Amino acid sequence: MPAITPERLPVRHVSGVAQPLFERAMAARDTHGALVTQRDRIAIVDFDAPSYRSRLHMIDVMNGASQRLLVTHGIGSDRGHTGYLQQFSNDDGSEATCEGAFATSDYYVGQHGRSQRLLGLDPTNSNALSRAIVIHAAWYANKDMLLTHGKLGRSQGCFAVGDAELQRVFDHLGEGALIYAGKA
């Protein structure tokens, strides 16, 4: 990683990301520095937005460049399948999305193919590893779901992206990056 010099200070705002959410993500990056080794990039999931909006923001914090992608939330976070996250949960068996700071960990091949483990760094997501909350691709996260259903399907709490987008996410984050999920 390039050294942070006065010319390379992290950005203070990213277009399209709610400022309070961005500030909490950057504070979490600093707080959890021992596990967040990729300091020049983060991802923020803005769960104020519905699932039919691109609410996963992959951000280069050194220049403010960002990419936005569709991402699911958990069944337990939206029991009525409205497309809006209604509640977070860290409870085993909840099938809900949990909030807070995550560090990306290792890759593996599992039930959903190529996936990446996430380490929950806050009390609100401390069970992420034992609940197998991961990043993976899923058919119900593909863009064509919007044409037929007007919203994405739901995961069991994981951050599922479209099949064609998974490699972009892996390439942006790598291991040791921060994902921050929440509402402004």
N, C-alpha and C. Protein backbone atom coordinates (compact mmCIF):
# COMPACT_ATOMS: atom_id res chain seq x y z
N MET A 1 0.85 -1.18 0.00
CA MET A 1 0.00 0.00 0.00
C MET A 1 0.89 1.24 0.00
N PRO A 2 0.54 2.25 -0.81
CA PRO A 2 1.31 3.48 -0.81
C PRO A 2 1.21 4.19 0.54
N ALA A 3 2.27 4.88 0.90
CA ALA A 3 2.27 5.63 2.16
C ALA A 3 1.25 6.76 2.09
N ILE A 4 0.64 7.05 3.22
CA ILE A 4 -0.29 8.18 3.30
C ILE A 4 0.52 9.43 3.59
N THR A 5 0.55 10.32 2.64
CA THR A 5 1.27 11.58 2.74
C THR A 5 0.23 12.69 2.64
N PRO A 6 0.61 13.95 2.90
CA PRO A 6 -0.37 15.03 2.78
C PRO A 6 -1.08 15.05 1.43
N GLU A 7 -0.38 14.63 0.36
CA GLU A 7 -1.01 14.60 -0.96
C GLU A 7 -1.97 13.41 -1.10
N ARG A 8 -1.84 12.41 -0.21
CA ARG A 8 -2.63 11.19 -0.31
C ARG A 8 -3.52 10.98 0.91
N LEU A 9 -4.05 12.03 1.46
CA LEU A 9 -4.97 11.89 2.58
C LEU A 9 -6.28 11.29 2.10
N PRO A 10 -6.92 10.47 2.91
CA PRO A 10 -8.19 9.90 2.52
C PRO A 10 -9.24 10.99 2.24
N VAL A 11 -10.15 10.69 1.33
CA VAL A 11 -11.22 11.62 1.02
C VAL A 11 -12.14 11.76 2.23
N ARG A 12 -12.88 12.83 2.28
CA ARG A 12 -13.79 13.08 3.41
C ARG A 12 -15.25 12.91 3.04
N HIS A 13 -15.50 12.70 1.74
CA HIS A 13 -16.87 12.52 1.26
C HIS A 13 -16.83 11.75 -0.06
N VAL A 14 -17.83 10.92 -0.28
CA VAL A 14 -17.97 10.20 -1.54
C VAL A 14 -19.38 10.43 -2.05
N SER A 15 -19.49 10.89 -3.27
CA SER A 15 -20.78 11.17 -3.88
C SER A 15 -21.66 9.92 -3.85
N GLY A 16 -22.90 10.09 -3.44
CA GLY A 16 -23.85 8.99 -3.42
C GLY A 16 -23.90 8.21 -2.12
N VAL A 17 -22.98 8.48 -1.20
CA VAL A 17 -22.95 7.79 0.10
C VAL A 17 -23.35 8.78 1.18
N ALA A 18 -24.32 8.41 2.01
CA ALA A 18 -24.75 9.29 3.10
C ALA A 18 -23.54 9.61 3.98
N GLN A 19 -23.35 10.88 4.25
CA GLN A 19 -22.17 11.33 5.00
C GLN A 19 -22.03 10.66 6.37
N PRO A 20 -23.11 10.53 7.16
CA PRO A 20 -22.95 9.87 8.47
C PRO A 20 -22.48 8.42 8.33
N LEU A 21 -22.96 7.73 7.31
CA LEU A 21 -22.56 6.34 7.09
C LEU A 21 -21.08 6.28 6.67
N PHE A 22 -20.67 7.18 5.79
CA PHE A 22 -19.27 7.24 5.37
C PHE A 22 -18.36 7.53 6.56
N GLU A 23 -18.75 8.47 7.40
CA GLU A 23 -17.93 8.83 8.57
C GLU A 23 -17.80 7.65 9.54
N ARG A 24 -18.90 6.92 9.76
CA ARG A 24 -18.84 5.75 10.64
C ARG A 24 -17.94 4.67 10.04
N ALA A 25 -18.01 4.49 8.73
CA ALA A 25 -17.15 3.50 8.08
C ALA A 25 -15.68 3.86 8.22
N MET A 26 -15.35 5.11 8.00
CA MET A 26 -13.95 5.54 8.11
C MET A 26 -13.46 5.43 9.55
N ALA A 27 -14.32 5.76 10.51
CA ALA A 27 -13.94 5.62 11.92
C ALA A 27 -13.71 4.14 12.26
N ALA A 28 -14.55 3.27 11.72
CA ALA A 28 -14.39 1.83 11.95
C ALA A 28 -13.09 1.33 11.33
N ARG A 29 -12.75 1.84 10.16
CA ARG A 29 -11.49 1.46 9.51
C ARG A 29 -10.31 1.79 10.42
N ASP A 30 -10.36 2.95 11.06
CA ASP A 30 -9.28 3.35 11.95
C ASP A 30 -9.31 2.57 13.27
N THR A 31 -10.49 2.35 13.81
CA THR A 31 -10.63 1.62 15.07
C THR A 31 -10.13 0.18 14.96
N HIS A 32 -10.43 -0.45 13.84
CA HIS A 32 -10.11 -1.87 13.66
C HIS A 32 -8.88 -2.07 12.79
N GLY A 33 -7.94 -1.14 12.88
CA GLY A 33 -6.76 -1.14 12.02
C GLY A 33 -5.95 -2.43 12.01
N ALA A 34 -5.93 -3.16 13.11
CA ALA A 34 -5.14 -4.40 13.15
C ALA A 34 -5.68 -5.45 12.20
N LEU A 35 -6.99 -5.47 11.99
CA LEU A 35 -7.61 -6.46 11.10
C LEU A 35 -7.94 -5.88 9.73
N VAL A 36 -7.92 -4.57 9.61
CA VAL A 36 -8.20 -3.92 8.33
C VAL A 36 -6.86 -3.44 7.77
N THR A 37 -6.23 -4.31 7.01
CA THR A 37 -4.90 -4.02 6.48
C THR A 37 -4.93 -3.34 5.12
N GLN A 38 -6.03 -3.46 4.40
CA GLN A 38 -6.22 -2.77 3.11
C GLN A 38 -6.84 -1.41 3.42
N ARG A 39 -6.03 -0.41 3.66
CA ARG A 39 -6.52 0.87 4.16
C ARG A 39 -6.95 1.82 3.05
N ASP A 40 -6.63 1.50 1.81
CA ASP A 40 -6.93 2.41 0.70
C ASP A 40 -8.27 2.13 0.04
N ARG A 41 -8.99 1.12 0.49
CA ARG A 41 -10.28 0.77 -0.11
C ARG A 41 -11.23 0.24 0.95
N ILE A 42 -12.49 0.53 0.78
CA ILE A 42 -13.53 0.02 1.66
C ILE A 42 -14.77 -0.27 0.82
N ALA A 43 -15.73 -0.91 1.45
CA ALA A 43 -17.05 -1.06 0.86
C ALA A 43 -18.06 -0.63 1.92
N ILE A 44 -19.09 0.06 1.47
CA ILE A 44 -20.17 0.48 2.35
C ILE A 44 -21.47 -0.02 1.76
N VAL A 45 -22.28 -0.68 2.59
CA VAL A 45 -23.61 -1.11 2.17
C VAL A 45 -24.62 -0.22 2.89
N ASP A 46 -25.33 0.57 2.10
CA ASP A 46 -26.31 1.52 2.63
C ASP A 46 -27.69 0.87 2.62
N PHE A 47 -28.07 0.31 3.77
CA PHE A 47 -29.34 -0.39 3.86
C PHE A 47 -30.53 0.53 4.06
N ASP A 48 -30.35 1.85 3.96
CA ASP A 48 -31.50 2.74 3.84
C ASP A 48 -32.13 2.57 2.45
N ALA A 49 -31.33 2.19 1.48
CA ALA A 49 -31.80 2.02 0.11
C ALA A 49 -32.47 0.65 -0.04
N PRO A 50 -33.45 0.56 -0.92
CA PRO A 50 -34.10 -0.73 -1.20
C PRO A 50 -33.21 -1.63 -2.05
N SER A 51 -33.57 -2.89 -2.13
CA SER A 51 -32.72 -3.85 -2.85
C SER A 51 -32.71 -3.62 -4.36
N TYR A 52 -33.63 -2.85 -4.88
CA TYR A 52 -33.60 -2.57 -6.32
C TYR A 52 -32.65 -1.43 -6.67
N ARG A 53 -32.01 -0.83 -5.70
CA ARG A 53 -30.99 0.20 -5.92
C ARG A 53 -29.60 -0.40 -5.72
N SER A 54 -28.64 0.14 -6.40
CA SER A 54 -27.25 -0.27 -6.22
C SER A 54 -26.75 0.35 -4.92
N ARG A 55 -26.72 -0.43 -3.86
CA ARG A 55 -26.44 0.10 -2.52
C ARG A 55 -25.13 -0.41 -1.92
N LEU A 56 -24.40 -1.23 -2.66
CA LEU A 56 -23.05 -1.64 -2.26
C LEU A 56 -22.08 -0.69 -2.95
N HIS A 57 -21.42 0.15 -2.16
CA HIS A 57 -20.49 1.15 -2.68
C HIS A 57 -19.07 0.65 -2.44
N MET A 58 -18.34 0.38 -3.50
CA MET A 58 -16.94 -0.01 -3.39
C MET A 58 -16.12 1.24 -3.66
N ILE A 59 -15.35 1.66 -2.66
CA ILE A 59 -14.75 3.00 -2.65
C ILE A 59 -13.23 2.93 -2.54
N ASP A 60 -12.56 3.71 -3.37
CA ASP A 60 -11.13 3.99 -3.23
C ASP A 60 -11.06 5.24 -2.36
N VAL A 61 -10.66 5.10 -1.12
CA VAL A 61 -10.70 6.23 -0.19
C VAL A 61 -9.59 7.24 -0.42
N MET A 62 -8.67 6.93 -1.31
CA MET A 62 -7.60 7.89 -1.59
C MET A 62 -8.00 8.89 -2.67
N ASN A 63 -8.89 8.49 -3.58
CA ASN A 63 -9.29 9.43 -4.64
C ASN A 63 -10.80 9.61 -4.75
N GLY A 64 -11.57 8.89 -3.95
CA GLY A 64 -13.02 9.04 -3.94
C GLY A 64 -13.74 8.30 -5.04
N ALA A 65 -13.02 7.61 -5.90
CA ALA A 65 -13.68 6.84 -6.96
C ALA A 65 -14.52 5.73 -6.32
N SER A 66 -15.70 5.51 -6.91
CA SER A 66 -16.54 4.46 -6.36
C SER A 66 -17.30 3.75 -7.47
N GLN A 67 -17.64 2.52 -7.18
CA GLN A 67 -18.50 1.71 -8.04
C GLN A 67 -19.67 1.28 -7.17
N ARG A 68 -20.83 1.17 -7.78
CA ARG A 68 -22.01 0.75 -7.02
C ARG A 68 -22.60 -0.51 -7.64
N LEU A 69 -22.99 -1.43 -6.77
CA LEU A 69 -23.55 -2.71 -7.20
C LEU A 69 -24.79 -3.05 -6.40
N LEU A 70 -25.60 -3.92 -6.95
CA LEU A 70 -26.74 -4.47 -6.23
C LEU A 70 -26.24 -5.47 -5.20
N VAL A 71 -26.91 -5.54 -4.06
CA VAL A 71 -26.57 -6.52 -3.03
C VAL A 71 -27.83 -6.84 -2.23
N THR A 72 -27.93 -8.08 -1.79
CA THR A 72 -29.12 -8.53 -1.06
C THR A 72 -29.03 -8.21 0.43
N HIS A 73 -30.16 -8.42 1.09
CA HIS A 73 -30.20 -8.48 2.55
C HIS A 73 -30.88 -9.79 2.93
N GLY A 74 -30.90 -10.10 4.21
CA GLY A 74 -31.39 -11.39 4.69
C GLY A 74 -32.90 -11.49 4.79
N ILE A 75 -33.38 -12.71 4.69
CA ILE A 75 -34.81 -13.02 4.83
C ILE A 75 -35.33 -12.49 6.16
N GLY A 76 -34.57 -12.72 7.22
CA GLY A 76 -34.99 -12.29 8.55
C GLY A 76 -34.98 -10.79 8.76
N SER A 77 -34.41 -10.06 7.83
CA SER A 77 -34.41 -8.60 7.90
C SER A 77 -35.59 -7.99 7.17
N ASP A 78 -36.32 -8.81 6.43
CA ASP A 78 -37.42 -8.33 5.58
C ASP A 78 -38.41 -9.47 5.40
N ARG A 79 -39.07 -9.85 6.48
CA ARG A 79 -39.98 -11.01 6.47
C ARG A 79 -41.09 -10.88 5.42
N GLY A 80 -41.57 -9.66 5.16
CA GLY A 80 -42.64 -9.47 4.19
C GLY A 80 -42.15 -9.34 2.76
N HIS A 81 -40.85 -9.44 2.54
CA HIS A 81 -40.20 -9.31 1.23
C HIS A 81 -40.65 -8.04 0.51
N THR A 82 -40.47 -6.92 1.20
CA THR A 82 -40.82 -5.61 0.64
C THR A 82 -39.71 -5.04 -0.23
N GLY A 83 -38.50 -5.58 -0.09
CA GLY A 83 -37.35 -5.01 -0.78
C GLY A 83 -36.56 -4.06 0.11
N TYR A 84 -37.09 -3.76 1.28
CA TYR A 84 -36.43 -2.86 2.24
C TYR A 84 -36.01 -3.63 3.48
N LEU A 85 -34.78 -3.41 3.93
CA LEU A 85 -34.33 -4.01 5.18
C LEU A 85 -35.09 -3.36 6.33
N GLN A 86 -35.77 -4.18 7.12
CA GLN A 86 -36.59 -3.68 8.24
C GLN A 86 -35.83 -3.73 9.57
N GLN A 87 -34.99 -4.76 9.74
CA GLN A 87 -34.28 -4.91 11.01
C GLN A 87 -32.98 -5.68 10.81
N PHE A 88 -32.01 -5.41 11.66
CA PHE A 88 -30.75 -6.13 11.70
C PHE A 88 -30.82 -7.15 12.83
N SER A 89 -30.03 -8.19 12.72
CA SER A 89 -29.89 -9.13 13.84
C SER A 89 -28.55 -9.83 13.74
N ASN A 90 -27.97 -10.10 14.90
CA ASN A 90 -26.73 -10.85 15.01
C ASN A 90 -27.00 -12.24 15.56
N ASP A 91 -28.27 -12.58 15.76
CA ASP A 91 -28.64 -13.84 16.40
C ASP A 91 -28.52 -15.02 15.46
N ASP A 92 -27.98 -16.12 15.99
CA ASP A 92 -27.92 -17.37 15.24
C ASP A 92 -29.34 -17.78 14.86
N GLY A 93 -29.52 -18.25 13.65
CA GLY A 93 -30.82 -18.71 13.18
C GLY A 93 -31.76 -17.61 12.73
N SER A 94 -31.37 -16.35 12.83
CA SER A 94 -32.27 -15.25 12.48
C SER A 94 -32.43 -15.06 10.97
N GLU A 95 -31.48 -15.54 10.19
CA GLU A 95 -31.45 -15.34 8.74
C GLU A 95 -31.50 -13.85 8.37
N ALA A 96 -31.05 -13.02 9.29
CA ALA A 96 -31.08 -11.57 9.09
C ALA A 96 -29.67 -11.06 8.80
N THR A 97 -29.62 -9.91 8.20
CA THR A 97 -28.38 -9.20 7.97
C THR A 97 -27.96 -8.54 9.28
N CYS A 98 -26.67 -8.54 9.55
CA CYS A 98 -26.18 -7.84 10.73
C CYS A 98 -25.45 -6.58 10.28
N GLU A 99 -25.38 -5.61 11.19
CA GLU A 99 -24.79 -4.32 10.84
C GLU A 99 -23.43 -4.15 11.50
N GLY A 100 -22.71 -3.15 11.00
CA GLY A 100 -21.43 -2.81 11.59
C GLY A 100 -20.27 -3.06 10.66
N ALA A 101 -19.08 -3.12 11.25
CA ALA A 101 -17.83 -3.27 10.51
C ALA A 101 -17.45 -4.74 10.39
N PHE A 102 -17.04 -5.12 9.19
CA PHE A 102 -16.56 -6.47 8.90
C PHE A 102 -15.18 -6.34 8.25
N ALA A 103 -14.32 -7.31 8.51
CA ALA A 103 -13.06 -7.43 7.77
C ALA A 103 -13.19 -8.62 6.83
N THR A 104 -12.79 -8.41 5.58
CA THR A 104 -12.80 -9.52 4.63
C THR A 104 -11.70 -10.49 5.01
N SER A 105 -12.01 -11.77 4.89
CA SER A 105 -11.05 -12.81 5.26
C SER A 105 -10.73 -13.67 4.04
N ASP A 106 -10.58 -14.96 4.24
CA ASP A 106 -10.14 -15.87 3.19
C ASP A 106 -11.27 -16.26 2.24
N TYR A 107 -10.85 -16.81 1.11
CA TYR A 107 -11.77 -17.30 0.08
C TYR A 107 -11.92 -18.81 0.23
N TYR A 108 -13.06 -19.32 -0.20
CA TYR A 108 -13.29 -20.76 -0.18
C TYR A 108 -14.38 -21.07 -1.21
N VAL A 109 -14.57 -22.32 -1.49
CA VAL A 109 -15.65 -22.76 -2.37
C VAL A 109 -16.64 -23.53 -1.49
N GLY A 110 -17.88 -23.06 -1.47
CA GLY A 110 -18.89 -23.68 -0.62
C GLY A 110 -20.21 -23.86 -1.34
N GLN A 111 -21.27 -23.84 -0.59
CA GLN A 111 -22.63 -24.06 -1.09
C GLN A 111 -22.99 -23.12 -2.24
N HIS A 112 -22.48 -21.90 -2.21
CA HIS A 112 -22.79 -20.91 -3.25
C HIS A 112 -21.61 -20.69 -4.18
N GLY A 113 -20.70 -21.65 -4.26
CA GLY A 113 -19.53 -21.49 -5.13
C GLY A 113 -18.47 -20.66 -4.42
N ARG A 114 -17.72 -19.88 -5.23
CA ARG A 114 -16.66 -19.06 -4.66
C ARG A 114 -17.26 -18.05 -3.68
N SER A 115 -16.67 -17.96 -2.52
CA SER A 115 -17.19 -17.10 -1.45
C SER A 115 -16.02 -16.54 -0.66
N GLN A 116 -16.32 -15.52 0.16
CA GLN A 116 -15.30 -14.92 1.01
C GLN A 116 -15.86 -14.77 2.41
N ARG A 117 -15.12 -15.29 3.37
CA ARG A 117 -15.54 -15.17 4.77
C ARG A 117 -15.40 -13.74 5.26
N LEU A 118 -16.25 -13.39 6.22
CA LEU A 118 -16.22 -12.07 6.84
C LEU A 118 -16.09 -12.22 8.35
N LEU A 119 -15.25 -11.38 8.93
CA LEU A 119 -15.09 -11.34 10.38
C LEU A 119 -15.87 -10.16 10.91
N GLY A 120 -16.84 -10.41 11.77
CA GLY A 120 -17.58 -9.33 12.41
C GLY A 120 -16.71 -8.66 13.45
N LEU A 121 -16.61 -7.34 13.38
CA LEU A 121 -15.70 -6.60 14.27
C LEU A 121 -16.41 -5.85 15.39
N ASP A 122 -17.73 -5.86 15.38
CA ASP A 122 -18.52 -5.11 16.36
C ASP A 122 -19.44 -6.05 17.13
N PRO A 123 -19.95 -5.61 18.27
CA PRO A 123 -20.92 -6.45 19.00
C PRO A 123 -22.18 -6.74 18.17
N THR A 124 -22.49 -5.88 17.21
CA THR A 124 -23.69 -6.05 16.38
C THR A 124 -23.50 -7.09 15.26
N ASN A 125 -22.27 -7.59 15.08
CA ASN A 125 -22.04 -8.60 14.04
C ASN A 125 -20.98 -9.62 14.46
N SER A 126 -20.78 -9.76 15.75
CA SER A 126 -19.73 -10.64 16.29
C SER A 126 -19.95 -12.11 15.96
N ASN A 127 -21.15 -12.49 15.56
CA ASN A 127 -21.44 -13.88 15.21
C ASN A 127 -21.34 -14.14 13.71
N ALA A 128 -20.84 -13.19 12.95
CA ALA A 128 -20.80 -13.33 11.48
C ALA A 128 -20.07 -14.59 11.05
N LEU A 129 -18.94 -14.88 11.63
CA LEU A 129 -18.17 -16.05 11.22
C LEU A 129 -18.91 -17.34 11.56
N SER A 130 -19.43 -17.45 12.78
CA SER A 130 -20.15 -18.68 13.17
C SER A 130 -21.48 -18.82 12.42
N ARG A 131 -22.06 -17.71 11.99
CA ARG A 131 -23.31 -17.76 11.20
C ARG A 131 -23.03 -17.95 9.71
N ALA A 132 -21.77 -17.96 9.33
CA ALA A 132 -21.36 -18.09 7.92
C ALA A 132 -21.91 -16.94 7.08
N ILE A 133 -21.82 -15.72 7.62
CA ILE A 133 -22.17 -14.52 6.86
C ILE A 133 -20.98 -14.21 5.96
N VAL A 134 -21.17 -14.32 4.66
CA VAL A 134 -20.08 -14.22 3.70
C VAL A 134 -20.50 -13.38 2.50
N ILE A 135 -19.56 -13.17 1.60
CA ILE A 135 -19.85 -12.58 0.30
C ILE A 135 -19.89 -13.73 -0.70
N HIS A 136 -20.97 -13.80 -1.47
CA HIS A 136 -21.07 -14.84 -2.51
C HIS A 136 -21.97 -14.34 -3.62
N ALA A 137 -21.94 -15.03 -4.73
CA ALA A 137 -22.84 -14.72 -5.85
C ALA A 137 -24.10 -15.58 -5.70
N ALA A 138 -25.20 -15.07 -6.24
CA ALA A 138 -26.46 -15.83 -6.21
C ALA A 138 -27.34 -15.39 -7.37
N TRP A 139 -28.09 -16.34 -7.89
CA TRP A 139 -29.02 -16.05 -9.00
C TRP A 139 -30.04 -15.00 -8.59
N TYR A 140 -30.45 -15.00 -7.33
CA TYR A 140 -31.48 -14.06 -6.86
C TYR A 140 -30.94 -12.65 -6.63
N ALA A 141 -29.62 -12.46 -6.88
CA ALA A 141 -29.01 -11.13 -6.78
C ALA A 141 -28.68 -10.57 -8.16
N ASN A 142 -29.02 -11.31 -9.22
CA ASN A 142 -28.76 -10.85 -10.58
C ASN A 142 -29.72 -9.73 -10.97
N LYS A 143 -29.26 -8.85 -11.82
CA LYS A 143 -30.02 -7.68 -12.25
C LYS A 143 -31.36 -8.05 -12.89
N ASP A 144 -31.46 -9.21 -13.55
CA ASP A 144 -32.72 -9.59 -14.18
C ASP A 144 -33.85 -9.83 -13.18
N MET A 145 -33.51 -10.01 -11.90
CA MET A 145 -34.55 -10.13 -10.86
C MET A 145 -35.38 -8.85 -10.78
N LEU A 146 -34.76 -7.70 -11.07
CA LEU A 146 -35.48 -6.43 -11.01
C LEU A 146 -36.54 -6.35 -12.09
N LEU A 147 -36.25 -6.92 -13.25
CA LEU A 147 -37.21 -6.90 -14.35
C LEU A 147 -38.44 -7.75 -14.05
N THR A 148 -38.23 -8.88 -13.41
CA THR A 148 -39.34 -9.79 -13.16
C THR A 148 -40.03 -9.58 -11.80
N HIS A 149 -39.27 -9.10 -10.80
CA HIS A 149 -39.84 -8.99 -9.45
C HIS A 149 -39.78 -7.58 -8.87
N GLY A 150 -39.03 -6.69 -9.48
CA GLY A 150 -38.93 -5.33 -8.98
C GLY A 150 -38.02 -5.17 -7.77
N LYS A 151 -37.36 -6.25 -7.36
CA LYS A 151 -36.45 -6.24 -6.22
C LYS A 151 -35.61 -7.50 -6.28
N LEU A 152 -34.55 -7.53 -5.52
CA LEU A 152 -33.73 -8.73 -5.43
C LEU A 152 -34.39 -9.75 -4.51
N GLY A 153 -33.93 -10.98 -4.62
CA GLY A 153 -34.30 -11.98 -3.64
C GLY A 153 -33.56 -11.70 -2.34
N ARG A 154 -33.71 -12.60 -1.39
CA ARG A 154 -33.08 -12.41 -0.09
C ARG A 154 -32.16 -13.57 0.23
N SER A 155 -31.11 -13.27 0.96
CA SER A 155 -30.15 -14.28 1.40
C SER A 155 -30.53 -14.75 2.80
N GLN A 156 -29.64 -15.49 3.41
CA GLN A 156 -29.83 -15.88 4.81
C GLN A 156 -28.98 -14.99 5.72
N GLY A 157 -28.76 -13.76 5.25
CA GLY A 157 -27.97 -12.78 5.99
C GLY A 157 -26.69 -12.40 5.28
N CYS A 158 -26.33 -13.14 4.23
CA CYS A 158 -25.09 -12.88 3.49
C CYS A 158 -25.22 -11.67 2.57
N PHE A 159 -24.07 -11.19 2.14
CA PHE A 159 -23.98 -10.14 1.13
C PHE A 159 -23.86 -10.83 -0.22
N ALA A 160 -24.99 -11.12 -0.84
CA ALA A 160 -25.00 -11.81 -2.13
C ALA A 160 -25.07 -10.77 -3.25
N VAL A 161 -24.23 -10.96 -4.25
CA VAL A 161 -24.19 -10.09 -5.43
C VAL A 161 -24.48 -10.94 -6.65
N GLY A 162 -24.70 -10.29 -7.78
CA GLY A 162 -24.95 -11.01 -9.02
C GLY A 162 -23.75 -11.84 -9.45
N ASP A 163 -24.02 -12.90 -10.19
CA ASP A 163 -22.96 -13.80 -10.64
C ASP A 163 -21.84 -13.06 -11.37
N ALA A 164 -22.21 -12.12 -12.23
CA ALA A 164 -21.23 -11.40 -13.04
C ALA A 164 -20.46 -10.36 -12.23
N GLU A 165 -20.87 -10.07 -11.01
CA GLU A 165 -20.25 -9.02 -10.21
C GLU A 165 -19.30 -9.53 -9.15
N LEU A 166 -19.34 -10.81 -8.86
CA LEU A 166 -18.56 -11.34 -7.74
C LEU A 166 -17.06 -11.07 -7.89
N GLN A 167 -16.51 -11.30 -9.07
CA GLN A 167 -15.08 -11.09 -9.24
C GLN A 167 -14.71 -9.62 -9.05
N ARG A 168 -15.58 -8.70 -9.47
CA ARG A 168 -15.32 -7.26 -9.24
C ARG A 168 -15.20 -6.97 -7.75
N VAL A 169 -16.08 -7.57 -6.97
CA VAL A 169 -16.04 -7.36 -5.52
C VAL A 169 -14.74 -7.93 -4.95
N PHE A 170 -14.41 -9.17 -5.32
CA PHE A 170 -13.17 -9.79 -4.83
C PHE A 170 -11.95 -8.96 -5.23
N ASP A 171 -11.93 -8.49 -6.49
CA ASP A 171 -10.79 -7.71 -6.97
C ASP A 171 -10.66 -6.39 -6.22
N HIS A 172 -11.77 -5.76 -5.91
CA HIS A 172 -11.71 -4.48 -5.20
C HIS A 172 -11.26 -4.66 -3.75
N LEU A 173 -11.85 -5.63 -3.06
CA LEU A 173 -11.60 -5.75 -1.63
C LEU A 173 -10.35 -6.54 -1.29
N GLY A 174 -10.23 -7.74 -1.80
CA GLY A 174 -9.14 -8.61 -1.36
C GLY A 174 -9.33 -8.99 0.10
N GLU A 175 -8.32 -9.55 0.69
CA GLU A 175 -8.37 -9.90 2.11
C GLU A 175 -7.92 -8.72 2.95
N GLY A 176 -8.54 -8.53 4.09
CA GLY A 176 -8.15 -7.47 5.01
C GLY A 176 -8.76 -6.12 4.74
N ALA A 177 -9.84 -6.08 3.97
CA ALA A 177 -10.53 -4.81 3.70
C ALA A 177 -11.74 -4.66 4.60
N LEU A 178 -12.23 -3.46 4.72
CA LEU A 178 -13.40 -3.15 5.53
C LEU A 178 -14.66 -3.15 4.70
N ILE A 179 -15.69 -3.80 5.20
CA ILE A 179 -17.05 -3.63 4.70
C ILE A 179 -17.83 -3.05 5.87
N TYR A 180 -18.53 -1.98 5.62
CA TYR A 180 -19.36 -1.39 6.67
C TYR A 180 -20.80 -1.42 6.21
N ALA A 181 -21.67 -2.05 6.99
CA ALA A 181 -23.09 -2.17 6.65
C ALA A 181 -23.93 -1.46 7.69
N GLY A 182 -24.86 -0.65 7.23
CA GLY A 182 -25.73 0.05 8.18
C GLY A 182 -26.71 0.95 7.48
N LYS A 183 -27.36 1.76 8.28
CA LYS A 183 -28.27 2.78 7.82
C LYS A 183 -27.76 4.12 8.34
N ALA A 184 -28.00 5.17 7.57
CA ALA A 184 -27.55 6.48 8.00
C ALA A 184 -28.37 6.95 9.18
